[in-house]
Amino acid sequence: MKFIPSILLPVAFATSALAHGFVSRITVDGKVYKGNTPNGDENPSIIRLISTTSPVKGATNPDVNCGSGAPHPATDVGNAMPGSKLEFTWDAGDGENWPHNTGPLMTYMASCGSTTCDKFDSTIAKWFKIDQQGRNASGDWIQADIMAGQPVRVTLPDTLAPGNYLIRHEIIALHLATSMGGAEFYPSCSQFTVGGSQTGAPTDKELVSFPGAYSDSDPGIFDPDVFNSGSPYTFPGPPIAAFVSGSSSSSGSATTGTSASGTSASGTATTTSAPTATSTKSSGTCKLKRKASSSSLTVAASIIRPRHLSRIMRGLIANHALSL
């Protein structure tokens, strides 16, 4: 019986490997642009390669810019138009679904000026927000749809001026944000040229830098009530740029997810009205913690995969779990 704990040790390593993630591909009006595996070989891509799937910790961490190691440009530049439909697909470190379900999804853009963005230093970028998604009308975090395998859907502004742009798309995971400094940042930057003949652009007051736009004490980053579905949520960072929606943007303090394109990650309409859900604690937590709290048999079946243990070893674990 003493050998069982030793056999179960790989579960902890598997959990660590699965714990976090990255943008594996971006689809633009049906065209797929693939990314690279973090800390792997760098093949041609429009997505800047990050060095790890682990989160960026700390709002003033330089890696909050475009991710760990990602100020280094990618090789390619994607094409888009005003009003283009973008889909960001997030994967866990081993290719499984994104493992977290609590916290906002936000998207920013920055002009690369006259140079194409494969030659642009993102540390000097000035960013404006084009989209933010939090909770849906039922009070559930839209991030849970990403855990279920759905992409994040974002529409570029219809009036966006042509030019070279970085798109900074991020998830902020808040399952540990009841403690100061617990928030996990997952920024991802991709490189685009936008065509067309529109003239929409942000004002200087709507531009921010990363790091610089966030503080660890911001209400939307340190949130003791994050698991209370009836509690209002304040998006961190600037409001969505006024030209995106065609009207003056206010502070992103709505309880439900707001999006300039009017669609959530699941493709359903969002609203800024307060949900009717009662103030109860939600089950928001990362997928891995929920797995770890299940029975031994569930853990063995759902986390341990063929590449981690042999068939015989998996059988021994399962038999042991059944005998408990």
Protein backbone atom coordinates (compact mmCIF):
# COMPACT_ATOMS: atom_id res chain seq x y z
CA MET A 1 0.00 0.00 0.00
CA LYS A 2 2.89 2.38 0.65
CA PHE A 3 3.73 2.45 -3.06
CA ILE A 4 0.44 4.19 -3.93
CA PRO A 5 1.50 7.71 -2.88
CA SER A 6 4.64 7.34 -4.99
CA ILE A 7 2.57 6.32 -8.00
CA LEU A 8 0.31 9.33 -7.50
CA LEU A 9 3.23 11.75 -7.53
CA PRO A 10 2.99 12.22 -11.32
CA VAL A 11 -0.50 13.63 -10.74
CA ALA A 12 1.08 16.69 -9.14
CA PHE A 13 3.46 17.11 -12.06
CA ALA A 14 0.59 16.67 -14.54
CA THR A 15 -1.43 19.29 -12.68
CA SER A 16 1.48 21.72 -12.86
CA ALA A 17 1.91 21.15 -16.60
CA LEU A 18 -1.79 21.66 -17.26
CA ALA A 19 -2.16 24.64 -14.96
CA HIS A 20 -1.86 27.52 -17.40
CA GLY A 21 -1.99 28.34 -21.10
CA PHE A 22 -1.52 30.47 -24.20
CA VAL A 23 -3.14 31.61 -27.46
CA SER A 24 -2.58 28.72 -29.85
CA ARG A 25 -4.22 30.28 -32.90
CA ILE A 26 -6.11 33.31 -34.16
CA THR A 27 -8.81 33.13 -36.81
CA VAL A 28 -9.53 36.28 -38.82
CA ASP A 29 -12.63 36.22 -41.02
CA GLY A 30 -12.20 32.46 -41.36
CA LYS A 31 -8.43 32.46 -42.00
CA VAL A 32 -6.42 30.61 -39.35
CA TYR A 33 -3.06 31.90 -38.09
CA LYS A 34 -1.30 29.33 -35.93
CA GLY A 35 0.92 30.15 -32.99
CA ASN A 36 3.91 28.35 -31.55
CA THR A 37 4.23 26.27 -28.41
CA PRO A 38 5.72 28.42 -25.62
CA ASN A 39 9.45 27.90 -25.17
CA GLY A 40 9.44 25.75 -28.32
CA ASP A 41 10.67 26.21 -31.86
CA GLU A 42 9.70 29.47 -33.51
CA ASN A 43 7.97 28.81 -36.80
CA PRO A 44 6.49 31.58 -38.97
CA SER A 45 3.56 33.13 -37.10
CA ILE A 46 1.83 36.45 -36.40
CA ILE A 47 1.62 35.63 -32.67
CA ARG A 48 4.60 36.70 -30.57
CA LEU A 49 6.17 33.66 -28.92
CA ILE A 50 6.14 33.53 -25.13
CA SER A 51 8.69 31.58 -23.13
CA THR A 52 6.32 29.88 -20.67
CA THR A 53 2.67 29.01 -20.17
CA SER A 54 2.91 30.20 -16.56
CA PRO A 55 1.15 33.44 -15.66
CA VAL A 56 2.70 36.86 -15.32
CA LYS A 57 2.46 37.82 -11.65
CA GLY A 58 2.34 41.44 -10.56
CA ALA A 59 0.70 44.32 -12.42
CA THR A 60 4.02 46.18 -12.77
CA ASN A 61 5.93 43.17 -14.08
CA PRO A 62 7.55 44.08 -17.45
CA ASP A 63 6.16 40.82 -18.87
CA VAL A 64 2.61 42.19 -18.56
CA ASN A 65 3.43 43.96 -21.84
CA CYS A 66 3.06 41.00 -24.22
CA GLY A 67 3.91 37.98 -22.07
CA SER A 68 7.14 36.38 -20.92
CA GLY A 69 9.80 36.98 -23.56
CA ALA A 70 7.26 38.33 -26.06
CA PRO A 71 8.53 41.87 -26.76
CA HIS A 72 10.63 39.97 -29.33
CA PRO A 73 8.62 40.32 -32.57
CA ALA A 74 7.08 37.42 -34.46
CA THR A 75 8.09 36.77 -38.07
CA ASP A 76 4.80 37.39 -39.90
CA VAL A 77 2.05 39.98 -40.13
CA GLY A 78 -1.64 39.12 -40.50
CA ASN A 79 -4.21 41.00 -42.58
CA ALA A 80 -7.51 42.39 -41.33
CA MET A 81 -10.10 45.01 -42.16
CA PRO A 82 -12.31 47.30 -40.09
CA GLY A 83 -15.10 45.10 -38.78
CA SER A 84 -13.09 41.87 -39.14
CA LYS A 85 -14.19 39.01 -36.89
CA LEU A 86 -11.37 37.62 -34.74
CA GLU A 87 -11.36 34.43 -32.72
CA PHE A 88 -8.65 33.77 -30.13
CA THR A 89 -8.23 30.11 -29.18
CA TRP A 90 -6.69 29.47 -25.76
CA ASP A 91 -5.11 26.12 -24.86
CA ALA A 92 -3.55 24.73 -21.72
CA GLY A 93 0.12 23.85 -21.72
CA ASP A 94 -0.49 20.31 -22.98
CA GLY A 95 -3.07 21.24 -25.63
CA GLU A 96 -6.10 20.62 -23.40
CA ASN A 97 -8.76 23.29 -22.84
CA TRP A 98 -7.95 26.49 -21.00
CA PRO A 99 -8.02 25.55 -17.28
CA HIS A 100 -9.49 28.63 -15.54
CA ASN A 101 -12.99 30.11 -15.40
CA THR A 102 -12.88 33.31 -13.33
CA GLY A 103 -11.92 36.78 -14.51
CA PRO A 104 -12.17 39.19 -17.45
CA LEU A 105 -11.11 38.98 -21.10
CA MET A 106 -9.79 42.22 -22.61
CA THR A 107 -8.39 43.29 -25.97
CA TYR A 108 -6.21 46.29 -26.80
CA MET A 109 -4.60 47.66 -29.95
CA ALA A 110 -1.52 49.82 -30.53
CA SER A 111 -0.27 51.51 -33.66
CA CYS A 112 3.16 50.46 -34.89
CA GLY A 113 3.39 53.68 -36.92
CA SER A 114 4.93 53.56 -40.34
CA THR A 115 6.86 50.35 -39.65
CA THR A 116 5.34 46.90 -39.88
CA CYS A 117 4.78 45.33 -36.48
CA ASP A 118 7.30 42.53 -37.06
CA LYS A 119 9.92 45.25 -36.54
CA PHE A 120 8.20 47.13 -33.71
CA ASP A 121 9.26 47.29 -30.05
CA SER A 122 6.10 46.68 -28.03
CA THR A 123 7.63 48.15 -24.86
CA ILE A 124 7.08 51.64 -26.32
CA ALA A 125 3.56 50.91 -27.55
CA LYS A 126 0.60 53.11 -26.57
CA TRP A 127 -2.48 50.93 -26.22
CA PHE A 128 -6.21 51.62 -26.51
CA LYS A 129 -8.93 49.23 -25.44
CA ILE A 130 -11.41 47.86 -28.01
CA ASP A 131 -13.18 45.10 -26.07
CA GLN A 132 -13.82 43.81 -22.55
CA GLN A 133 -15.87 40.84 -21.41
CA GLY A 134 -16.62 39.93 -17.81
CA ARG A 135 -19.79 38.22 -16.58
CA ASN A 136 -22.83 37.39 -18.67
CA ALA A 137 -26.39 38.39 -17.82
CA SER A 138 -26.71 35.38 -15.49
CA GLY A 139 -23.72 36.47 -13.44
CA ASP A 140 -21.41 33.72 -14.78
CA TRP A 141 -17.91 34.57 -15.94
CA ILE A 142 -17.60 34.43 -19.73
CA GLN A 143 -14.13 32.96 -19.16
CA ALA A 144 -15.93 29.72 -18.27
CA ASP A 145 -16.84 29.40 -21.97
CA ILE A 146 -13.12 29.36 -22.76
CA MET A 147 -12.64 26.52 -20.28
CA ALA A 148 -15.40 24.71 -22.19
CA GLY A 149 -13.36 24.97 -25.39
CA GLN A 150 -14.86 28.03 -27.06
CA PRO A 151 -12.75 30.82 -28.57
CA VAL A 152 -12.91 34.45 -27.51
CA ARG A 153 -14.70 36.40 -30.24
CA VAL A 154 -13.76 40.03 -30.85
CA THR A 155 -14.78 42.38 -33.68
CA LEU A 156 -12.38 45.08 -34.87
CA PRO A 157 -13.89 48.58 -34.82
CA ASP A 158 -15.89 49.35 -37.97
CA THR A 159 -14.30 52.79 -38.27
CA LEU A 160 -10.69 51.78 -37.49
CA ALA A 161 -8.16 53.73 -39.54
CA PRO A 162 -5.82 51.69 -41.77
CA GLY A 163 -2.32 50.98 -40.55
CA ASN A 164 0.02 48.63 -38.73
CA TYR A 165 -1.28 47.42 -35.38
CA LEU A 166 -0.36 45.16 -32.51
CA ILE A 167 -3.34 43.44 -30.92
CA ARG A 168 -2.90 42.66 -27.25
CA HIS A 169 -5.46 40.12 -26.09
CA GLU A 170 -5.40 38.99 -22.47
CA ILE A 171 -7.06 36.89 -19.83
CA ILE A 172 -6.78 37.92 -16.20
CA ALA A 173 -7.45 34.86 -14.05
CA LEU A 174 -8.89 35.92 -10.69
CA HIS A 175 -9.33 32.60 -8.88
CA LEU A 176 -6.60 33.71 -6.43
CA ALA A 177 -7.45 37.42 -6.52
CA THR A 178 -9.05 37.46 -3.08
CA SER A 179 -5.47 38.08 -1.92
CA MET A 180 -3.42 41.09 -3.02
CA GLY A 181 -1.08 40.05 -5.82
CA GLY A 182 -2.99 36.85 -6.52
CA ALA A 183 -4.23 37.80 -9.99
CA GLU A 184 -2.69 35.95 -12.92
CA PHE A 185 -2.06 37.87 -16.17
CA TYR A 186 -1.96 36.09 -19.53
CA PRO A 187 -1.25 38.68 -22.26
CA SER A 188 -0.75 37.68 -25.90
CA CYS A 189 0.32 39.98 -28.73
CA SER A 190 -0.14 39.51 -32.47
CA GLN A 191 0.87 41.58 -35.49
CA PHE A 192 -1.51 42.95 -38.13
CA THR A 193 -1.90 45.30 -41.04
CA VAL A 194 -5.41 46.76 -41.26
CA GLY A 195 -6.70 47.94 -44.63
CA GLY A 196 -9.61 50.13 -45.61
CA SER A 197 -10.10 53.88 -45.68
CA GLN A 198 -11.71 54.67 -42.33
CA THR A 199 -10.49 57.37 -39.95
CA GLY A 200 -11.32 56.14 -36.45
CA ALA A 201 -8.58 56.53 -33.84
CA PRO A 202 -8.26 56.90 -30.07
CA THR A 203 -7.56 60.16 -28.29
CA ASP A 204 -4.31 60.66 -26.42
CA LYS A 205 -6.18 60.39 -23.11
CA GLU A 206 -7.36 56.88 -24.04
CA LEU A 207 -3.82 55.54 -24.54
CA VAL A 208 -1.97 53.54 -21.87
CA SER A 209 1.32 51.70 -21.47
CA PHE A 210 2.05 48.15 -20.27
CA PRO A 211 3.23 48.00 -17.58
CA GLY A 212 1.59 51.15 -16.24
CA ALA A 213 -2.11 50.67 -16.99
CA TYR A 214 -2.76 48.40 -14.00
CA SER A 215 -2.04 48.33 -10.29
CA ASP A 216 -2.22 45.29 -8.02
CA SER A 217 -4.70 47.21 -5.87
CA ASP A 218 -7.12 48.01 -8.72
CA PRO A 219 -10.66 46.78 -7.90
CA GLY A 220 -10.75 44.51 -10.94
CA ILE A 221 -7.41 42.90 -10.05
CA PHE A 222 -7.68 42.60 -6.27
CA ASP A 223 -11.27 41.45 -5.74
CA PRO A 224 -12.34 39.89 -2.40
CA ASP A 225 -15.86 39.45 -3.84
CA VAL A 226 -14.79 37.78 -7.07
CA PHE A 227 -16.82 34.61 -6.32
CA ASN A 228 -19.97 36.56 -5.47
CA SER A 229 -22.03 36.49 -8.67
CA GLY A 230 -24.13 39.45 -7.51
CA SER A 231 -21.16 41.70 -6.85
CA PRO A 232 -20.40 44.43 -9.43
CA TYR A 233 -17.11 44.06 -11.28
CA THR A 234 -14.87 46.96 -12.31
CA PHE A 235 -12.71 46.29 -15.36
CA PRO A 236 -9.10 47.40 -14.87
CA GLY A 237 -7.36 49.72 -17.29
CA PRO A 238 -8.91 52.45 -19.45
CA PRO A 239 -12.47 52.44 -20.81
CA ILE A 240 -13.10 51.20 -24.33
CA ALA A 241 -12.01 53.96 -26.75
CA ALA A 242 -14.91 56.25 -27.65
CA PHE A 243 -14.54 55.80 -31.42
CA VAL A 244 -15.02 52.02 -31.07
CA SER A 245 -18.67 52.29 -30.06
CA GLY A 246 -19.29 55.70 -31.57
CA SER A 247 -20.09 57.27 -28.22
CA SER A 248 -18.29 58.40 -25.10
CA SER A 249 -17.04 55.44 -23.08
CA SER A 250 -17.54 55.33 -19.33
CA SER A 251 -15.70 53.40 -16.66
CA GLY A 252 -15.94 49.65 -17.11
CA SER A 253 -17.78 49.03 -13.87
CA ALA A 254 -20.69 46.94 -15.18
CA THR A 255 -21.43 43.67 -13.42
CA THR A 256 -21.91 41.85 -16.70
CA GLY A 257 -19.49 41.51 -19.59
CA THR A 258 -19.34 44.46 -21.97
CA SER A 259 -18.08 44.24 -25.50
CA ALA A 260 -17.75 46.82 -28.23
CA SER A 261 -18.93 44.24 -30.74
CA GLY A 262 -21.94 43.26 -28.63
CA THR A 263 -20.99 39.59 -28.56
CA SER A 264 -19.61 37.48 -25.77
CA ALA A 265 -17.16 34.60 -26.01
CA SER A 266 -20.05 32.29 -26.69
CA GLY A 267 -21.41 34.53 -29.42
CA THR A 268 -24.48 35.62 -27.45
CA ALA A 269 -25.44 39.21 -26.80
CA THR A 270 -24.07 40.81 -23.66
CA THR A 271 -25.54 43.57 -21.56
CA THR A 272 -24.35 46.09 -19.02
CA SER A 273 -27.40 45.73 -16.80
CA ALA A 274 -26.98 44.11 -13.41
CA PRO A 275 -27.87 40.41 -13.31
CA THR A 276 -30.77 39.10 -11.30
CA ALA A 277 -28.66 36.42 -9.68
CA THR A 278 -28.66 36.46 -5.89
CA SER A 279 -25.50 37.20 -3.98
CA THR A 280 -24.31 33.66 -3.56
CA LYS A 281 -20.84 32.27 -3.76
CA SER A 282 -20.15 30.80 -7.16
CA SER A 283 -18.10 27.72 -7.80
CA GLY A 284 -15.51 29.75 -9.69
CA THR A 285 -12.14 28.07 -9.47
CA CYS A 286 -9.58 26.64 -11.81
CA LYS A 287 -10.39 23.35 -13.47
CA LEU A 288 -7.39 21.67 -11.90
CA LYS A 289 -8.43 22.49 -8.33
CA ARG A 290 -11.88 21.04 -8.98
CA LYS A 291 -10.28 17.87 -10.34
CA ALA A 292 -8.01 17.61 -7.34
CA SER A 293 -10.99 17.79 -4.97
CA SER A 294 -12.82 14.92 -6.72
CA SER A 295 -12.48 11.27 -5.77
CA SER A 296 -9.21 9.45 -6.28
CA LEU A 297 -10.75 7.52 -9.16
CA THR A 298 -11.82 10.75 -10.91
CA VAL A 299 -8.38 12.24 -10.48
CA ALA A 300 -6.73 9.14 -11.88
CA ALA A 301 -9.10 9.00 -14.83
CA SER A 302 -9.22 12.69 -15.73
CA ILE A 303 -5.66 13.87 -15.14
CA ILE A 304 -3.40 10.88 -15.68
CA ARG A 305 -3.09 10.22 -19.39
CA PRO A 306 -1.21 7.55 -21.40
CA ARG A 307 1.81 9.74 -21.84
CA HIS A 308 2.24 10.10 -18.05
CA LEU A 309 1.97 6.49 -16.81
CA SER A 310 1.93 3.00 -18.22
CA ARG A 311 -1.35 1.04 -18.56
CA ILE A 312 -0.37 -1.19 -15.65
CA MET A 313 0.36 1.72 -13.36
CA ARG A 314 -2.92 3.43 -14.25
CA GLY A 315 -4.75 0.19 -13.48
CA LEU A 316 -3.15 -0.04 -10.06
CA ILE A 317 -4.23 3.51 -9.24
CA ALA A 318 -7.78 2.90 -10.42
CA ASN A 319 -8.05 -0.34 -8.44
CA HIS A 320 -6.76 1.39 -5.34
CA ALA A 321 -9.29 4.22 -5.76
CA LEU A 322 -12.16 1.72 -6.09
CA SER A 323 -11.14 0.02 -2.86
CA LEU A 324 -11.33 3.29 -0.86
